[in-house]
């Protein structure tokens, strides 16, 4: 099956990276360096559903789930876990390519029109690059996510709970201090390139972007 998928995509000018191991697949899927992820539900070691959830917690790369399960409840489970599309086996290779193309077009359109600018900050949501006063910032995935959420609504004050829900997901279980740790690192990186207070802590309320 993997050979058929790979051949069909490569014949349609896609560059394909493949693994049949669920643990390796999990490491690859959370890296956020692909345009589209084609994910089989029934993988050894770590199943596709778990990989889908972990990948979605880290980034918004489109995910096409492949599965032999055809019950509606299974499709709903896959989509609720973060999959963008769902294709049941057996399927025609042409349909697979068409669905991947549709997901890829969505990524391309997003990258063409997804630059946020707030004060001296510029965030390219497509390439996931951030610049302060023209200097590129070396941000982790979550650090970028936090800045992107706040840059989308400058001057709005976000609570730690809001930022956690928006960047980690509402079902993520963890300490809200995680947000503080990430934001402290972001502020340190910003201060290295600019004396301006881009990220402001509002006492007793939360944080906002834009002095």
N, C-alpha and C. Protein backbone atom coordinates (compact mmCIF):
# COMPACT_ATOMS: atom_id res chain seq x y z
N UNK A 1 0.83 -1.21 0.00
CA UNK A 1 0.00 0.00 0.00
C UNK A 1 0.87 1.26 0.00
N UNK A 2 1.89 1.24 0.84
CA UNK A 2 2.78 2.41 0.90
C UNK A 2 3.47 2.62 -0.45
N UNK A 3 3.83 1.52 -1.11
CA UNK A 3 4.48 1.64 -2.41
C UNK A 3 3.56 2.28 -3.44
N UNK A 4 2.29 1.90 -3.40
CA UNK A 4 1.31 2.48 -4.33
C UNK A 4 1.15 3.97 -4.07
N UNK A 5 1.02 4.33 -2.81
CA UNK A 5 0.86 5.74 -2.43
C UNK A 5 2.07 6.56 -2.87
N UNK A 6 3.23 6.03 -2.56
CA UNK A 6 4.46 6.76 -2.91
C UNK A 6 4.60 6.92 -4.41
N UNK A 7 4.36 5.85 -5.16
CA UNK A 7 4.48 5.92 -6.62
C UNK A 7 3.50 6.94 -7.19
N UNK A 8 2.25 6.92 -6.72
CA UNK A 8 1.23 7.83 -7.25
C UNK A 8 1.60 9.29 -6.98
N UNK A 9 2.11 9.57 -5.79
CA UNK A 9 2.46 10.95 -5.44
C UNK A 9 3.71 11.41 -6.18
N UNK A 10 4.72 10.55 -6.26
CA UNK A 10 5.95 10.93 -6.97
C UNK A 10 5.69 11.10 -8.45
N UNK A 11 4.78 10.31 -9.01
CA UNK A 11 4.43 10.45 -10.42
C UNK A 11 3.70 11.77 -10.67
N UNK A 12 3.16 12.36 -9.59
CA UNK A 12 2.47 13.65 -9.69
C UNK A 12 3.34 14.80 -9.20
N UNK A 13 4.66 14.55 -9.17
CA UNK A 13 5.66 15.59 -8.87
C UNK A 13 5.73 15.99 -7.40
N UNK A 14 5.27 15.13 -6.50
CA UNK A 14 5.47 15.38 -5.08
C UNK A 14 6.75 14.70 -4.62
N UNK A 15 7.45 15.35 -3.69
CA UNK A 15 8.61 14.74 -3.06
C UNK A 15 8.12 14.03 -1.81
N UNK A 16 8.43 12.75 -1.69
CA UNK A 16 7.83 11.91 -0.64
C UNK A 16 8.89 11.36 0.31
N UNK A 17 8.64 11.47 1.60
CA UNK A 17 9.43 10.81 2.63
C UNK A 17 8.53 9.78 3.30
N UNK A 18 9.04 8.56 3.50
CA UNK A 18 8.17 7.48 3.98
C UNK A 18 8.82 6.69 5.11
N UNK A 19 8.00 6.26 6.05
CA UNK A 19 8.43 5.28 7.04
C UNK A 19 7.25 4.36 7.35
N UNK A 20 7.56 3.11 7.66
CA UNK A 20 6.51 2.15 8.01
C UNK A 20 6.44 1.92 9.51
N UNK A 21 7.30 2.59 10.26
CA UNK A 21 7.37 2.42 11.71
C UNK A 21 6.65 3.57 12.40
N UNK A 22 5.71 3.24 13.27
CA UNK A 22 4.92 4.27 13.94
C UNK A 22 5.75 5.20 14.82
N UNK A 23 6.76 4.66 15.50
CA UNK A 23 7.57 5.51 16.37
C UNK A 23 8.38 6.52 15.56
N UNK A 24 8.95 6.05 14.46
CA UNK A 24 9.69 6.96 13.58
C UNK A 24 8.72 7.95 12.95
N UNK A 25 7.55 7.46 12.58
CA UNK A 25 6.54 8.33 11.98
C UNK A 25 6.12 9.44 12.92
N UNK A 26 6.02 9.13 14.21
CA UNK A 26 5.66 10.14 15.20
C UNK A 26 6.72 11.24 15.25
N UNK A 27 7.98 10.83 15.27
CA UNK A 27 9.07 11.81 15.30
C UNK A 27 9.04 12.70 14.06
N UNK A 28 8.76 12.11 12.90
CA UNK A 28 8.71 12.87 11.66
C UNK A 28 7.51 13.81 11.63
N UNK A 29 6.37 13.31 12.10
CA UNK A 29 5.12 14.06 11.97
C UNK A 29 5.08 15.31 12.82
N UNK A 30 5.77 15.32 13.96
CA UNK A 30 5.71 16.48 14.84
C UNK A 30 6.73 17.56 14.47
N UNK A 31 7.56 17.30 13.46
CA UNK A 31 8.63 18.24 13.11
C UNK A 31 8.16 19.49 12.38
N UNK A 32 6.99 19.45 11.80
CA UNK A 32 6.46 20.61 11.08
C UNK A 32 7.35 21.04 9.92
N UNK A 33 7.74 20.08 9.07
CA UNK A 33 8.55 20.44 7.91
C UNK A 33 7.96 19.88 6.61
N UNK A 34 6.71 19.45 6.67
CA UNK A 34 6.05 18.89 5.49
C UNK A 34 4.87 19.77 5.07
N UNK A 35 4.51 19.69 3.80
CA UNK A 35 3.34 20.41 3.30
C UNK A 35 2.05 19.65 3.60
N UNK A 36 2.12 18.31 3.49
CA UNK A 36 0.96 17.44 3.74
C UNK A 36 1.48 16.15 4.37
N UNK A 37 0.72 15.61 5.32
CA UNK A 37 1.05 14.31 5.91
C UNK A 37 -0.03 13.31 5.51
N UNK A 38 0.39 12.19 4.89
CA UNK A 38 -0.52 11.09 4.57
C UNK A 38 -0.25 10.01 5.62
N UNK A 39 -1.26 9.69 6.39
CA UNK A 39 -1.05 8.89 7.60
C UNK A 39 -1.98 7.68 7.64
N UNK A 40 -1.39 6.48 7.74
CA UNK A 40 -2.19 5.26 7.86
C UNK A 40 -2.57 5.05 9.32
N UNK A 41 -3.83 4.72 9.54
CA UNK A 41 -4.31 4.50 10.90
C UNK A 41 -3.59 3.30 11.53
N UNK A 42 -3.44 2.22 10.77
CA UNK A 42 -2.94 0.97 11.33
C UNK A 42 -1.44 0.80 11.23
N UNK A 43 -0.68 1.61 11.96
CA UNK A 43 0.78 1.49 11.96
C UNK A 43 1.25 0.69 13.17
N UNK A 44 2.38 -0.02 13.04
CA UNK A 44 2.93 -0.75 14.19
C UNK A 44 3.61 0.19 15.17
N UNK A 45 3.73 -0.24 16.41
CA UNK A 45 4.39 0.49 17.49
C UNK A 45 3.54 1.66 18.01
N UNK A 46 3.27 2.65 17.14
CA UNK A 46 2.40 3.77 17.50
C UNK A 46 1.36 3.92 16.40
N UNK A 47 0.08 3.87 16.74
CA UNK A 47 -0.95 3.91 15.69
C UNK A 47 -1.12 5.32 15.11
N UNK A 48 -1.70 5.38 13.92
CA UNK A 48 -1.86 6.64 13.21
C UNK A 48 -2.70 7.65 13.95
N UNK A 49 -3.68 7.19 14.71
CA UNK A 49 -4.54 8.12 15.45
C UNK A 49 -3.74 8.87 16.51
N UNK A 50 -2.86 8.16 17.20
CA UNK A 50 -2.01 8.81 18.21
C UNK A 50 -1.05 9.79 17.57
N UNK A 51 -0.50 9.40 16.42
CA UNK A 51 0.42 10.29 15.70
C UNK A 51 -0.32 11.54 15.26
N UNK A 52 -1.54 11.38 14.78
CA UNK A 52 -2.34 12.51 14.33
C UNK A 52 -2.56 13.50 15.47
N UNK A 53 -2.91 13.00 16.64
CA UNK A 53 -3.15 13.87 17.80
C UNK A 53 -1.88 14.63 18.19
N UNK A 54 -0.76 13.93 18.22
CA UNK A 54 0.50 14.57 18.61
C UNK A 54 0.93 15.62 17.59
N UNK A 55 0.79 15.29 16.30
CA UNK A 55 1.17 16.23 15.25
C UNK A 55 0.30 17.48 15.31
N UNK A 56 -1.00 17.29 15.53
CA UNK A 56 -1.91 18.43 15.56
C UNK A 56 -1.64 19.33 16.78
N UNK A 57 -1.13 18.75 17.85
CA UNK A 57 -0.80 19.55 19.02
C UNK A 57 0.40 20.46 18.77
N UNK A 58 1.19 20.13 17.73
CA UNK A 58 2.40 20.89 17.46
C UNK A 58 2.26 21.88 16.30
N UNK A 59 1.41 21.57 15.32
CA UNK A 59 1.33 22.43 14.13
C UNK A 59 0.03 22.17 13.37
N UNK A 60 -0.17 22.93 12.29
CA UNK A 60 -1.41 22.83 11.52
C UNK A 60 -1.22 22.21 10.14
N UNK A 61 -0.15 21.44 9.96
CA UNK A 61 0.08 20.79 8.68
C UNK A 61 -1.11 19.89 8.33
N UNK A 62 -1.68 20.00 7.11
CA UNK A 62 -2.82 19.16 6.74
C UNK A 62 -2.50 17.67 6.84
N UNK A 63 -3.44 16.90 7.36
CA UNK A 63 -3.25 15.46 7.54
C UNK A 63 -4.37 14.71 6.82
N UNK A 64 -3.98 13.80 5.93
CA UNK A 64 -4.92 12.91 5.25
C UNK A 64 -4.78 11.53 5.89
N UNK A 65 -5.86 11.04 6.50
CA UNK A 65 -5.84 9.75 7.19
C UNK A 65 -6.31 8.64 6.26
N UNK A 66 -5.53 7.57 6.17
CA UNK A 66 -5.90 6.39 5.38
C UNK A 66 -6.27 5.27 6.33
N UNK A 67 -7.35 4.58 6.07
CA UNK A 67 -7.77 3.51 6.98
C UNK A 67 -8.71 2.52 6.29
N UNK A 68 -8.68 1.30 6.80
CA UNK A 68 -9.61 0.27 6.32
C UNK A 68 -10.93 0.37 7.07
N UNK A 69 -11.00 1.19 8.10
CA UNK A 69 -12.22 1.37 8.87
C UNK A 69 -13.20 2.24 8.08
N UNK A 70 -14.41 1.77 7.94
CA UNK A 70 -15.39 2.50 7.14
C UNK A 70 -16.62 2.93 7.92
N UNK A 71 -16.66 2.62 9.20
CA UNK A 71 -17.80 3.03 10.01
C UNK A 71 -17.75 4.54 10.25
N UNK A 72 -18.93 5.17 10.32
CA UNK A 72 -19.01 6.61 10.52
C UNK A 72 -18.32 7.03 11.80
N UNK A 73 -18.48 6.24 12.86
CA UNK A 73 -17.88 6.60 14.15
C UNK A 73 -16.36 6.66 14.04
N UNK A 74 -15.76 5.79 13.20
CA UNK A 74 -14.31 5.80 13.00
C UNK A 74 -13.88 7.05 12.24
N UNK A 75 -14.67 7.42 11.25
CA UNK A 75 -14.36 8.63 10.49
C UNK A 75 -14.43 9.85 11.40
N UNK A 76 -15.46 9.92 12.22
CA UNK A 76 -15.60 11.04 13.15
C UNK A 76 -14.43 11.07 14.12
N UNK A 77 -14.03 9.91 14.62
CA UNK A 77 -12.90 9.83 15.55
C UNK A 77 -11.63 10.37 14.90
N UNK A 78 -11.40 9.99 13.65
CA UNK A 78 -10.22 10.47 12.93
C UNK A 78 -10.23 11.96 12.74
N UNK A 79 -11.36 12.50 12.34
CA UNK A 79 -11.46 13.94 12.11
C UNK A 79 -11.35 14.72 13.42
N UNK A 80 -11.96 14.20 14.48
CA UNK A 80 -11.89 14.89 15.77
C UNK A 80 -10.48 14.84 16.36
N UNK A 81 -9.67 13.91 15.88
CA UNK A 81 -8.29 13.81 16.36
C UNK A 81 -7.37 14.77 15.62
N UNK A 82 -7.92 15.47 14.63
CA UNK A 82 -7.14 16.48 13.94
C UNK A 82 -6.91 16.25 12.47
N UNK A 83 -7.39 15.12 11.92
CA UNK A 83 -7.21 14.87 10.50
C UNK A 83 -8.05 15.86 9.68
N UNK A 84 -7.50 16.31 8.54
CA UNK A 84 -8.23 17.24 7.69
C UNK A 84 -9.08 16.52 6.65
N UNK A 85 -8.68 15.30 6.32
CA UNK A 85 -9.43 14.52 5.34
C UNK A 85 -9.25 13.04 5.69
N UNK A 86 -10.13 12.20 5.09
CA UNK A 86 -10.21 10.80 5.49
C UNK A 86 -10.49 9.99 4.23
N UNK A 87 -9.67 8.97 3.97
CA UNK A 87 -9.85 8.15 2.77
C UNK A 87 -9.84 6.68 3.18
N UNK A 88 -10.95 6.00 2.86
CA UNK A 88 -11.08 4.59 3.23
C UNK A 88 -10.48 3.68 2.16
N UNK A 89 -9.85 2.59 2.61
CA UNK A 89 -9.33 1.58 1.71
C UNK A 89 -10.47 0.63 1.31
N UNK A 90 -10.44 0.10 0.10
CA UNK A 90 -9.50 0.41 -0.98
C UNK A 90 -9.86 1.74 -1.64
N UNK A 91 -8.88 2.40 -2.24
CA UNK A 91 -9.13 3.67 -2.92
C UNK A 91 -8.34 3.71 -4.22
N UNK A 92 -8.76 4.58 -5.09
CA UNK A 92 -8.05 4.76 -6.35
C UNK A 92 -6.90 5.74 -6.15
N UNK A 93 -5.70 5.43 -6.64
CA UNK A 93 -4.56 6.34 -6.50
C UNK A 93 -4.86 7.75 -7.00
N UNK A 94 -5.67 7.86 -8.05
CA UNK A 94 -5.99 9.18 -8.59
C UNK A 94 -6.77 10.01 -7.57
N UNK A 95 -7.65 9.34 -6.80
CA UNK A 95 -8.41 10.07 -5.78
C UNK A 95 -7.48 10.53 -4.66
N UNK A 96 -6.55 9.67 -4.28
CA UNK A 96 -5.57 10.05 -3.26
C UNK A 96 -4.80 11.29 -3.70
N UNK A 97 -4.30 11.28 -4.93
CA UNK A 97 -3.52 12.42 -5.44
C UNK A 97 -4.38 13.68 -5.46
N UNK A 98 -5.64 13.55 -5.87
CA UNK A 98 -6.53 14.71 -5.93
C UNK A 98 -6.74 15.31 -4.54
N UNK A 99 -6.89 14.46 -3.54
CA UNK A 99 -7.10 14.97 -2.18
C UNK A 99 -5.83 15.62 -1.63
N UNK A 100 -4.68 15.02 -1.92
CA UNK A 100 -3.42 15.62 -1.47
C UNK A 100 -3.21 16.97 -2.16
N UNK A 101 -3.52 17.04 -3.44
CA UNK A 101 -3.40 18.32 -4.17
C UNK A 101 -4.29 19.39 -3.54
N UNK A 102 -5.50 19.01 -3.17
CA UNK A 102 -6.43 19.97 -2.57
C UNK A 102 -5.88 20.49 -1.24
N UNK A 103 -5.32 19.59 -0.42
CA UNK A 103 -4.73 20.01 0.85
C UNK A 103 -3.49 20.88 0.61
N UNK A 104 -2.72 20.54 -0.41
CA UNK A 104 -1.51 21.30 -0.72
C UNK A 104 -1.85 22.70 -1.22
N UNK A 105 -2.91 22.82 -1.99
CA UNK A 105 -3.35 24.15 -2.46
C UNK A 105 -3.73 25.03 -1.28
N UNK A 106 -4.36 24.43 -0.27
CA UNK A 106 -4.75 25.18 0.92
C UNK A 106 -3.51 25.74 1.62
N UNK A 107 -2.47 24.92 1.72
CA UNK A 107 -1.22 25.36 2.35
C UNK A 107 -0.61 26.49 1.56
N UNK A 108 -0.58 26.35 0.22
CA UNK A 108 0.05 27.37 -0.63
C UNK A 108 -0.68 28.69 -0.53
N UNK A 109 -2.01 28.64 -0.53
CA UNK A 109 -2.79 29.89 -0.42
C UNK A 109 -2.53 30.56 0.93
N UNK A 110 -2.44 29.74 1.98
CA UNK A 110 -2.19 30.29 3.31
C UNK A 110 -0.83 30.97 3.36
N UNK A 111 0.16 30.38 2.73
CA UNK A 111 1.51 30.92 2.77
C UNK A 111 1.64 32.20 1.96
N UNK A 112 0.78 32.35 0.99
CA UNK A 112 0.85 33.54 0.15
C UNK A 112 0.26 34.77 0.83
N UNK A 113 -0.54 34.55 1.85
CA UNK A 113 -1.24 35.70 2.45
C UNK A 113 -1.29 35.61 3.96
N UNK A 114 -0.15 35.29 4.56
CA UNK A 114 -0.18 35.09 6.00
C UNK A 114 1.01 35.75 6.68
N UNK A 115 1.14 37.05 6.48
CA UNK A 115 2.20 37.80 7.15
C UNK A 115 1.56 38.78 8.12
N UNK A 116 1.96 38.72 9.38
CA UNK A 116 1.44 39.61 10.41
C UNK A 116 2.54 40.59 10.81
N UNK A 117 2.17 41.86 10.94
CA UNK A 117 3.13 42.87 11.35
C UNK A 117 2.56 43.67 12.53
N UNK A 118 3.31 43.71 13.61
CA UNK A 118 2.90 44.45 14.80
C UNK A 118 4.12 45.23 15.29
N UNK A 119 4.07 46.55 15.17
CA UNK A 119 5.22 47.35 15.57
C UNK A 119 6.44 46.94 14.77
N UNK A 120 7.50 46.57 15.43
CA UNK A 120 8.70 46.12 14.74
C UNK A 120 8.76 44.63 14.54
N UNK A 121 7.65 43.93 14.85
CA UNK A 121 7.61 42.48 14.69
C UNK A 121 6.95 42.09 13.37
N UNK A 122 7.53 41.10 12.69
CA UNK A 122 6.95 40.54 11.47
C UNK A 122 6.93 39.03 11.60
N UNK A 123 5.75 38.44 11.42
CA UNK A 123 5.61 36.99 11.50
C UNK A 123 5.07 36.45 10.18
N UNK A 124 5.82 35.57 9.56
CA UNK A 124 5.39 34.89 8.34
C UNK A 124 4.82 33.54 8.77
N UNK A 125 3.50 33.43 8.75
CA UNK A 125 2.85 32.21 9.24
C UNK A 125 3.09 31.02 8.33
N UNK A 126 3.36 31.29 7.05
CA UNK A 126 3.61 30.20 6.11
C UNK A 126 4.95 29.53 6.36
N UNK A 127 6.00 30.33 6.39
CA UNK A 127 7.34 29.78 6.61
C UNK A 127 7.67 29.64 8.08
N UNK A 128 6.77 30.18 8.93
CA UNK A 128 6.94 30.15 10.38
C UNK A 128 8.27 30.81 10.78
N UNK A 129 8.52 31.96 10.20
CA UNK A 129 9.69 32.75 10.54
C UNK A 129 9.24 34.04 11.21
N UNK A 130 9.99 34.46 12.22
CA UNK A 130 9.66 35.68 12.94
C UNK A 130 10.86 36.63 12.92
N UNK A 131 10.59 37.92 12.74
CA UNK A 131 11.64 38.92 12.69
C UNK A 131 11.30 40.07 13.63
N UNK A 132 12.30 40.60 14.30
CA UNK A 132 12.15 41.77 15.15
C UNK A 132 13.15 42.81 14.70
N UNK A 133 12.65 43.95 14.25
CA UNK A 133 13.49 45.02 13.72
C UNK A 133 14.40 44.49 12.61
N UNK A 134 13.87 43.55 11.82
CA UNK A 134 14.63 43.01 10.70
C UNK A 134 15.53 41.84 11.03
N UNK A 135 15.68 41.53 12.32
CA UNK A 135 16.53 40.42 12.74
C UNK A 135 15.69 39.18 12.99
N UNK A 136 16.07 38.06 12.38
CA UNK A 136 15.29 36.84 12.55
C UNK A 136 15.46 36.28 13.96
N UNK A 137 14.33 35.84 14.53
CA UNK A 137 14.32 35.26 15.86
C UNK A 137 14.35 33.73 15.77
N UNK A 138 15.15 33.11 16.61
CA UNK A 138 15.20 31.65 16.67
C UNK A 138 14.18 31.17 17.69
N UNK A 139 12.98 30.87 17.21
CA UNK A 139 11.87 30.49 18.10
C UNK A 139 11.56 29.02 18.00
N UNK A 140 11.14 28.43 19.11
CA UNK A 140 10.62 27.07 19.09
C UNK A 140 9.20 27.11 18.51
N UNK A 141 8.63 25.93 18.26
CA UNK A 141 7.28 25.85 17.71
C UNK A 141 6.27 26.58 18.59
N UNK A 142 6.28 26.32 19.87
CA UNK A 142 5.30 26.93 20.77
C UNK A 142 5.56 28.41 20.97
N UNK A 143 6.81 28.82 20.98
CA UNK A 143 7.11 30.25 21.08
C UNK A 143 6.55 31.00 19.88
N UNK A 144 6.71 30.42 18.70
CA UNK A 144 6.14 31.06 17.50
C UNK A 144 4.62 31.08 17.59
N UNK A 145 4.02 29.97 18.02
CA UNK A 145 2.56 29.91 18.12
C UNK A 145 2.02 30.99 19.04
N UNK A 146 2.67 31.19 20.16
CA UNK A 146 2.23 32.21 21.11
C UNK A 146 2.29 33.61 20.50
N UNK A 147 3.40 33.91 19.84
CA UNK A 147 3.52 35.22 19.19
C UNK A 147 2.48 35.39 18.09
N UNK A 148 2.25 34.32 17.31
CA UNK A 148 1.30 34.41 16.20
C UNK A 148 -0.12 34.67 16.69
N UNK A 149 -0.52 33.98 17.76
CA UNK A 149 -1.86 34.19 18.33
C UNK A 149 -2.02 35.63 18.79
N UNK A 150 -1.01 36.14 19.48
CA UNK A 150 -1.10 37.50 20.01
C UNK A 150 -0.98 38.55 18.91
N UNK A 151 -0.17 38.27 17.89
CA UNK A 151 -0.02 39.22 16.79
C UNK A 151 -1.29 39.32 15.96
N UNK A 152 -2.09 38.25 15.96
CA UNK A 152 -3.34 38.29 15.23
C UNK A 152 -4.36 39.23 15.84
N UNK A 153 -4.19 39.52 17.15
CA UNK A 153 -5.08 40.44 17.86
C UNK A 153 -4.24 41.35 18.76
N UNK A 154 -3.46 42.24 18.15
CA UNK A 154 -2.58 43.11 18.94
C UNK A 154 -3.36 43.98 19.92
N UNK A 155 -2.74 44.26 21.02
CA UNK A 155 -3.31 45.05 22.12
C UNK A 155 -4.34 44.30 22.95
N UNK A 156 -4.79 43.12 22.49
CA UNK A 156 -5.71 42.35 23.32
C UNK A 156 -4.92 41.66 24.42
N UNK A 157 -5.46 41.68 25.63
CA UNK A 157 -4.81 41.01 26.74
C UNK A 157 -5.31 39.57 26.81
N UNK A 158 -4.39 38.62 26.79
CA UNK A 158 -4.71 37.20 26.85
C UNK A 158 -4.35 36.65 28.22
N UNK A 159 -5.24 35.87 28.79
CA UNK A 159 -4.91 35.18 30.04
C UNK A 159 -4.04 33.97 29.72
N UNK A 160 -3.39 33.43 30.74
CA UNK A 160 -2.58 32.23 30.53
C UNK A 160 -3.44 31.08 30.04
N UNK A 161 -4.67 30.97 30.58
CA UNK A 161 -5.57 29.90 30.18
C UNK A 161 -5.96 30.02 28.71
N UNK A 162 -6.23 31.25 28.26
CA UNK A 162 -6.56 31.46 26.86
C UNK A 162 -5.41 31.06 25.95
N UNK A 163 -4.21 31.47 26.30
CA UNK A 163 -3.05 31.15 25.49
C UNK A 163 -2.79 29.65 25.47
N UNK A 164 -3.00 29.01 26.59
CA UNK A 164 -2.81 27.56 26.64
C UNK A 164 -3.83 26.85 25.76
N UNK A 165 -5.08 27.27 25.81
CA UNK A 165 -6.13 26.65 24.99
C UNK A 165 -5.85 26.86 23.50
N UNK A 166 -5.40 28.06 23.14
CA UNK A 166 -5.18 28.39 21.73
C UNK A 166 -3.93 27.74 21.16
N UNK A 167 -2.91 27.56 21.99
CA UNK A 167 -1.63 27.05 21.48
C UNK A 167 -1.37 25.58 21.80
N UNK A 168 -1.95 25.10 22.89
CA UNK A 168 -1.76 23.69 23.25
C UNK A 168 -3.02 22.86 23.02
N UNK A 169 -4.16 23.53 22.90
CA UNK A 169 -5.42 22.83 22.73
C UNK A 169 -6.19 22.76 24.03
N UNK A 170 -7.51 22.82 23.94
CA UNK A 170 -8.35 22.87 25.14
C UNK A 170 -8.27 21.59 25.97
N UNK A 171 -7.92 20.46 25.31
CA UNK A 171 -7.88 19.19 26.03
C UNK A 171 -6.51 18.88 26.61
N UNK A 172 -5.55 19.79 26.39
CA UNK A 172 -4.20 19.55 26.90
C UNK A 172 -4.20 19.72 28.41
N UNK A 173 -3.61 18.75 29.09
CA UNK A 173 -3.56 18.80 30.55
C UNK A 173 -2.15 19.18 30.98
N UNK A 174 -2.02 20.30 31.63
CA UNK A 174 -0.70 20.73 32.05
C UNK A 174 -0.79 21.98 32.91
N UNK A 175 0.33 22.39 33.42
CA UNK A 175 0.41 23.55 34.30
C UNK A 175 0.43 24.82 33.46
N UNK A 176 -0.40 25.79 33.85
CA UNK A 176 -0.44 27.06 33.11
C UNK A 176 0.88 27.81 33.18
N UNK A 177 1.74 27.45 34.14
CA UNK A 177 3.04 28.09 34.23
C UNK A 177 3.90 27.79 33.00
N UNK A 178 3.52 26.74 32.27
CA UNK A 178 4.21 26.43 31.02
C UNK A 178 4.18 27.63 30.09
N UNK A 179 3.04 28.33 30.05
CA UNK A 179 2.91 29.52 29.22
C UNK A 179 3.90 30.58 29.65
N UNK A 180 4.01 30.79 30.97
CA UNK A 180 4.92 31.80 31.49
C UNK A 180 6.37 31.50 31.10
N UNK A 181 6.74 30.23 31.18
CA UNK A 181 8.11 29.83 30.84
C UNK A 181 8.40 30.15 29.37
N UNK A 182 7.47 29.81 28.48
CA UNK A 182 7.67 30.06 27.06
C UNK A 182 7.72 31.57 26.77
N UNK A 183 6.82 32.33 27.39
CA UNK A 183 6.78 33.77 27.15
C UNK A 183 8.03 34.46 27.71
N UNK A 184 8.53 33.96 28.83
CA UNK A 184 9.77 34.53 29.38
C UNK A 184 10.91 34.36 28.39
N UNK A 185 10.97 33.21 27.75
CA UNK A 185 12.02 32.96 26.76
C UNK A 185 11.84 33.86 25.54
N UNK A 186 10.58 34.06 25.12
CA UNK A 186 10.31 34.94 24.00
C UNK A 186 10.77 36.36 24.31
N UNK A 187 10.44 36.83 25.51
CA UNK A 187 10.84 38.20 25.90
C UNK A 187 12.35 38.35 25.92
N UNK A 188 13.05 37.33 26.38
CA UNK A 188 14.51 37.37 26.40
C UNK A 188 15.07 37.48 24.98
N UNK A 189 14.48 36.73 24.06
CA UNK A 189 14.95 36.76 22.68
C UNK A 189 14.65 38.09 22.01
N UNK A 190 13.50 38.68 22.35
CA UNK A 190 13.15 39.98 21.79
C UNK A 190 14.07 41.07 22.32
N UNK A 191 14.39 41.01 23.61
CA UNK A 191 15.22 42.05 24.22
C UNK A 191 16.65 42.03 23.68
N UNK A 192 17.08 40.89 23.16
CA UNK A 192 18.43 40.80 22.61
C UNK A 192 18.57 41.62 21.33
N UNK A 193 17.46 41.85 20.64
CA UNK A 193 17.54 42.56 19.35
C UNK A 193 16.81 43.90 19.37
N UNK A 194 16.04 44.19 20.43
CA UNK A 194 15.29 45.44 20.47
C UNK A 194 15.07 45.90 21.90
N UNK A 195 15.29 47.17 22.20
CA UNK A 195 15.05 47.69 23.55
C UNK A 195 13.56 47.91 23.83
N UNK A 196 12.74 47.87 22.79
CA UNK A 196 11.30 48.12 22.93
C UNK A 196 10.62 46.96 23.65
N UNK A 197 9.64 47.28 24.49
CA UNK A 197 8.90 46.25 25.22
C UNK A 197 7.77 45.74 24.34
N UNK A 198 8.06 44.74 23.50
CA UNK A 198 7.05 44.21 22.58
C UNK A 198 6.02 43.36 23.30
N UNK A 199 6.46 42.56 24.24
CA UNK A 199 5.58 41.64 24.96
C UNK A 199 5.36 42.18 26.37
N UNK A 200 4.14 42.57 26.66
CA UNK A 200 3.84 43.26 27.92
C UNK A 200 3.03 42.36 28.85
N UNK A 201 3.48 42.27 30.09
CA UNK A 201 2.74 41.54 31.12
C UNK A 201 1.79 42.51 31.82
N UNK A 202 0.51 42.18 31.81
CA UNK A 202 -0.50 43.00 32.48
C UNK A 202 -0.81 42.35 33.82
N UNK A 203 -0.39 42.97 34.88
CA UNK A 203 -0.45 42.39 36.22
C UNK A 203 -1.85 41.89 36.58
N UNK A 204 -1.91 40.64 36.99
CA UNK A 204 -3.17 40.07 37.43
C UNK A 204 -4.12 39.67 36.31
N UNK A 205 -3.73 39.93 35.06
CA UNK A 205 -4.63 39.62 33.94
C UNK A 205 -3.98 38.67 32.95
N UNK A 206 -2.86 39.08 32.36
CA UNK A 206 -2.22 38.21 31.37
C UNK A 206 -1.16 38.95 30.57
N UNK A 207 -1.20 38.78 29.27
CA UNK A 207 -0.17 39.32 28.41
C UNK A 207 -0.77 39.90 27.13
N UNK A 208 -0.08 40.90 26.58
CA UNK A 208 -0.49 41.44 25.30
C UNK A 208 0.73 41.77 24.48
N UNK A 209 0.54 41.88 23.18
CA UNK A 209 1.62 42.20 22.26
C UNK A 209 1.45 43.63 21.77
N UNK A 210 2.52 44.38 21.80
CA UNK A 210 2.46 45.77 21.36
C UNK A 210 2.49 46.68 22.54
N UNK A 211 3.59 47.49 22.61
CA UNK A 211 3.73 48.39 23.77
C UNK A 211 2.77 49.53 23.70
